[in-house]
Amino acid sequence: MPDHERGHSLCERGGVISKGPTVVGTAHSVSIPLRCPKGSKVVGVSHTHPSGDLHLSEQDKKTARTKKLKVVCVKARERVRCYRFRHKS
């Protein structure tokens, strides 16, 4: 696995999930632009944790809350875990 975090936005259109552009960050973080193809909307982000830890960091949780993301996925080695979030209206 690369030693830098990589990530992309998760986009939804008509019940189909696609991904936005992939970006590369540092060994400890990645700034993922919340952009999707025209006609779709951002529903979450997916990124790697080079450390191998599948748990969300405090920054991951904060981003999910402040950006009102529905899902945050983490890939560590060959495993992927997705976390769902519910936000108050």
Protein backbone atom coordinates (compact mmCIF):
# COMPACT_ATOMS: atom_id res chain seq x y z
CA MET A 1 0.00 0.00 0.00
CA PRO A 2 1.29 3.50 -0.75
CA ASP A 3 2.69 5.49 2.18
CA HIS A 4 0.48 8.51 1.47
CA GLU A 5 -3.26 8.74 2.01
CA ARG A 6 -5.34 8.75 -1.15
CA GLY A 7 -9.00 9.58 -1.41
CA HIS A 8 -11.97 10.58 -3.52
CA SER A 9 -15.53 11.77 -3.09
CA LEU A 10 -18.43 9.32 -3.40
CA CYS A 11 -21.12 10.56 -5.77
CA GLU A 12 -24.72 9.43 -6.21
CA ARG A 13 -27.00 9.77 -9.20
CA GLY A 14 -30.18 7.79 -9.56
CA GLY A 15 -29.15 5.29 -6.91
CA VAL A 16 -25.78 4.59 -8.57
CA ILE A 17 -22.58 5.42 -6.68
CA SER A 18 -19.51 6.64 -8.58
CA LYS A 19 -16.29 8.30 -7.50
CA GLY A 20 -14.88 11.76 -7.94
CA PRO A 21 -11.25 12.54 -8.79
CA THR A 22 -8.58 10.77 -6.74
CA VAL A 23 -6.19 12.97 -4.77
CA VAL A 24 -2.98 12.16 -2.88
CA GLY A 25 -2.20 13.59 0.54
CA THR A 26 0.47 13.05 3.18
CA ALA A 27 1.19 10.00 5.31
CA HIS A 28 -1.42 11.22 7.83
CA SER A 29 -4.09 13.15 5.94
CA VAL A 30 -5.68 13.93 2.60
CA SER A 31 -7.86 16.89 1.59
CA ILE A 32 -10.59 15.47 -0.62
CA PRO A 33 -12.42 17.94 -2.84
CA LEU A 34 -16.16 17.36 -2.58
CA ARG A 35 -16.76 17.39 -6.33
CA CYS A 36 -18.84 15.08 -8.46
CA PRO A 37 -19.76 14.78 -12.12
CA LYS A 38 -22.59 17.05 -13.25
CA GLY A 39 -26.00 15.73 -12.25
CA SER A 40 -24.74 13.78 -9.25
CA LYS A 41 -24.33 14.76 -5.61
CA VAL A 42 -21.67 14.12 -2.97
CA VAL A 43 -22.80 11.53 -0.44
CA GLY A 44 -19.46 10.71 1.15
CA VAL A 45 -15.74 10.16 0.85
CA SER A 46 -13.43 7.17 0.66
CA HIS A 47 -9.76 7.25 1.62
CA THR A 48 -6.85 5.10 2.64
CA HIS A 49 -5.11 4.77 5.99
CA PRO A 50 -1.50 3.69 5.27
CA SER A 51 -1.13 2.86 8.98
CA GLY A 52 -3.48 -0.11 8.50
CA ASP A 53 -6.04 1.23 11.00
CA LEU A 54 -9.63 0.86 9.75
CA HIS A 55 -11.09 3.12 12.44
CA LEU A 56 -12.10 6.69 11.69
CA SER A 57 -9.82 9.41 13.00
CA GLU A 58 -11.28 12.34 14.92
CA GLN A 59 -10.71 14.45 11.79
CA ASP A 60 -12.66 11.91 9.70
CA LYS A 61 -15.60 12.18 12.12
CA LYS A 62 -15.42 15.98 12.21
CA THR A 63 -15.43 16.17 8.41
CA ALA A 64 -18.43 13.83 8.20
CA ARG A 65 -20.34 16.02 10.67
CA THR A 66 -19.43 19.44 9.26
CA LYS A 67 -19.89 18.44 5.60
CA LYS A 68 -23.01 16.36 6.40
CA LEU A 69 -21.62 13.29 4.65
CA LYS A 70 -23.74 10.15 4.67
CA VAL A 71 -20.81 7.74 4.46
CA VAL A 72 -17.06 7.67 5.06
CA CYS A 73 -15.09 4.64 3.87
CA VAL A 74 -11.58 3.70 4.96
CA LYS A 75 -9.28 1.30 3.13
CA ALA A 76 -6.38 -0.17 5.08
CA ARG A 77 -4.26 -2.78 3.37
CA GLU A 78 -6.77 -5.05 1.60
CA ARG A 79 -9.71 -4.30 3.91
CA VAL A 80 -12.41 -1.64 3.54
CA ARG A 81 -14.83 -0.43 6.20
CA CYS A 82 -17.61 2.09 5.58
CA TYR A 83 -19.27 4.12 8.32
CA ARG A 84 -22.74 5.64 7.93
CA PHE A 85 -23.72 8.95 9.46
CA ARG A 86 -27.14 10.42 10.22
CA HIS A 87 -27.45 14.15 10.63
CA LYS A 88 -30.13 16.25 12.26
CA SER A 89 -32.10 18.35 9.80
